[in-house]
Amino acid sequence: MVVFKNTRETGDWPAADVGENITMEIGNLGLSDAEVDAVVAFLMTLTDN
């Protein structure tokens, strides 16, 4: 999900099934691969596993 939000408009993603679900509030974050990895690592600390 982090990669999708980071590259939503610049990546090669299929069109949304339901257009009403599209929001322009978050996207094209411009994160580097290392920054994406850091966000994912942080999110993993929020789980019980």
N, C-alpha and C. Protein backbone atom coordinates (compact mmCIF):
# COMPACT_ATOMS: atom_id res chain seq x y z
N MET A 1 0.82 -1.18 0.00
CA MET A 1 0.00 0.00 0.00
C MET A 1 0.87 1.25 0.00
N VAL A 2 1.99 1.21 0.71
CA VAL A 2 2.87 2.37 0.77
C VAL A 2 3.42 2.67 -0.63
N VAL A 3 3.83 1.63 -1.34
CA VAL A 3 4.35 1.83 -2.71
C VAL A 3 3.26 2.38 -3.60
N PHE A 4 2.05 1.89 -3.48
CA PHE A 4 0.94 2.39 -4.29
C PHE A 4 0.69 3.87 -4.01
N LYS A 5 0.61 4.25 -2.76
CA LYS A 5 0.36 5.65 -2.42
C LYS A 5 1.50 6.55 -2.89
N ASN A 6 2.72 6.01 -2.87
CA ASN A 6 3.88 6.78 -3.29
C ASN A 6 3.93 6.97 -4.80
N THR A 7 3.41 6.01 -5.55
CA THR A 7 3.54 6.05 -7.02
C THR A 7 2.21 6.00 -7.73
N ARG A 8 1.14 6.33 -7.04
CA ARG A 8 -0.20 6.16 -7.58
C ARG A 8 -0.38 6.77 -8.97
N GLU A 9 0.07 7.98 -9.18
CA GLU A 9 -0.14 8.64 -10.46
C GLU A 9 1.03 8.49 -11.41
N THR A 10 2.17 8.03 -10.90
CA THR A 10 3.34 7.87 -11.76
C THR A 10 3.63 6.42 -12.08
N GLY A 11 3.01 5.49 -11.38
CA GLY A 11 3.23 4.07 -11.60
C GLY A 11 2.31 3.52 -12.67
N ASP A 12 2.51 2.27 -12.99
CA ASP A 12 1.71 1.60 -14.01
C ASP A 12 0.61 0.80 -13.33
N TRP A 13 -0.36 1.49 -12.75
CA TRP A 13 -1.45 0.87 -12.01
C TRP A 13 -2.71 0.85 -12.87
N PRO A 14 -3.52 -0.19 -12.74
CA PRO A 14 -4.79 -0.23 -13.49
C PRO A 14 -5.75 0.84 -12.97
N ALA A 15 -6.72 1.19 -13.78
CA ALA A 15 -7.74 2.16 -13.37
C ALA A 15 -8.57 1.59 -12.23
N ALA A 16 -9.11 2.47 -11.42
CA ALA A 16 -9.97 2.04 -10.31
C ALA A 16 -11.25 1.42 -10.85
N ASP A 17 -11.75 0.40 -10.16
CA ASP A 17 -13.01 -0.23 -10.55
C ASP A 17 -14.18 0.72 -10.33
N VAL A 18 -14.10 1.51 -9.28
CA VAL A 18 -15.18 2.45 -8.95
C VAL A 18 -14.56 3.84 -8.85
N GLY A 19 -14.88 4.69 -9.80
CA GLY A 19 -14.28 6.02 -9.86
C GLY A 19 -14.55 6.88 -8.64
N GLU A 20 -15.67 6.65 -7.97
CA GLU A 20 -15.99 7.43 -6.79
C GLU A 20 -15.03 7.16 -5.62
N ASN A 21 -14.27 6.08 -5.72
CA ASN A 21 -13.33 5.73 -4.66
C ASN A 21 -11.99 6.46 -4.78
N ILE A 22 -11.81 7.21 -5.83
CA ILE A 22 -10.54 7.89 -6.06
C ILE A 22 -10.49 9.19 -5.26
N THR A 23 -9.41 9.39 -4.54
CA THR A 23 -9.18 10.63 -3.81
C THR A 23 -7.80 11.16 -4.20
N MET A 24 -7.67 12.44 -4.28
CA MET A 24 -6.39 13.05 -4.63
C MET A 24 -5.68 13.58 -3.38
N GLU A 25 -6.16 13.22 -2.21
CA GLU A 25 -5.59 13.72 -0.97
C GLU A 25 -4.20 13.18 -0.70
N ILE A 26 -3.95 11.94 -1.04
CA ILE A 26 -2.65 11.32 -0.79
C ILE A 26 -2.19 10.66 -2.08
N GLY A 27 -0.98 10.93 -2.48
CA GLY A 27 -0.41 10.31 -3.67
C GLY A 27 0.80 11.07 -4.13
N ASN A 28 1.62 10.41 -4.94
CA ASN A 28 2.84 11.02 -5.44
C ASN A 28 3.67 11.62 -4.31
N LEU A 29 3.99 10.79 -3.35
CA LEU A 29 4.70 11.26 -2.17
C LEU A 29 6.17 11.58 -2.44
N GLY A 30 6.72 10.99 -3.49
CA GLY A 30 8.11 11.25 -3.84
C GLY A 30 9.10 10.60 -2.90
N LEU A 31 8.69 9.52 -2.25
CA LEU A 31 9.58 8.82 -1.32
C LEU A 31 10.59 7.97 -2.08
N SER A 32 11.81 7.92 -1.56
CA SER A 32 12.82 7.02 -2.12
C SER A 32 12.51 5.59 -1.66
N ASP A 33 13.20 4.62 -2.25
CA ASP A 33 13.01 3.22 -1.83
C ASP A 33 13.34 3.06 -0.35
N ALA A 34 14.39 3.73 0.11
CA ALA A 34 14.78 3.63 1.52
C ALA A 34 13.71 4.24 2.43
N GLU A 35 13.10 5.33 2.00
CA GLU A 35 12.04 5.95 2.79
C GLU A 35 10.80 5.07 2.84
N VAL A 36 10.46 4.43 1.72
CA VAL A 36 9.33 3.49 1.71
C VAL A 36 9.61 2.35 2.67
N ASP A 37 10.82 1.81 2.63
CA ASP A 37 11.20 0.73 3.54
C ASP A 37 11.09 1.17 5.00
N ALA A 38 11.48 2.41 5.29
CA ALA A 38 11.40 2.92 6.66
C ALA A 38 9.95 3.05 7.11
N VAL A 39 9.07 3.53 6.24
CA VAL A 39 7.65 3.64 6.59
C VAL A 39 7.07 2.26 6.86
N VAL A 40 7.38 1.30 5.99
CA VAL A 40 6.88 -0.06 6.18
C VAL A 40 7.40 -0.65 7.48
N ALA A 41 8.68 -0.45 7.78
CA ALA A 41 9.25 -0.96 9.02
C ALA A 41 8.55 -0.35 10.24
N PHE A 42 8.26 0.94 10.17
CA PHE A 42 7.53 1.58 11.26
C PHE A 42 6.14 0.98 11.41
N LEU A 43 5.42 0.83 10.29
CA LEU A 43 4.07 0.28 10.36
C LEU A 43 4.07 -1.14 10.92
N MET A 44 5.11 -1.90 10.63
CA MET A 44 5.21 -3.27 11.15
C MET A 44 5.37 -3.28 12.67
N THR A 45 5.89 -2.22 13.25
CA THR A 45 6.02 -2.17 14.72
C THR A 45 4.67 -1.97 15.38
N LEU A 46 3.65 -1.60 14.62
CA LEU A 46 2.33 -1.35 15.18
C LEU A 46 1.46 -2.59 15.21
N THR A 47 2.00 -3.73 14.81
CA THR A 47 1.23 -4.97 14.81
C THR A 47 1.52 -5.78 16.06
N ASP A 48 0.70 -6.78 16.32
CA ASP A 48 0.91 -7.66 17.47
C ASP A 48 1.79 -8.86 17.14
N ASN A 49 2.19 -8.98 15.89
CA ASN A 49 2.99 -10.15 15.48
C ASN A 49 4.45 -9.96 15.79
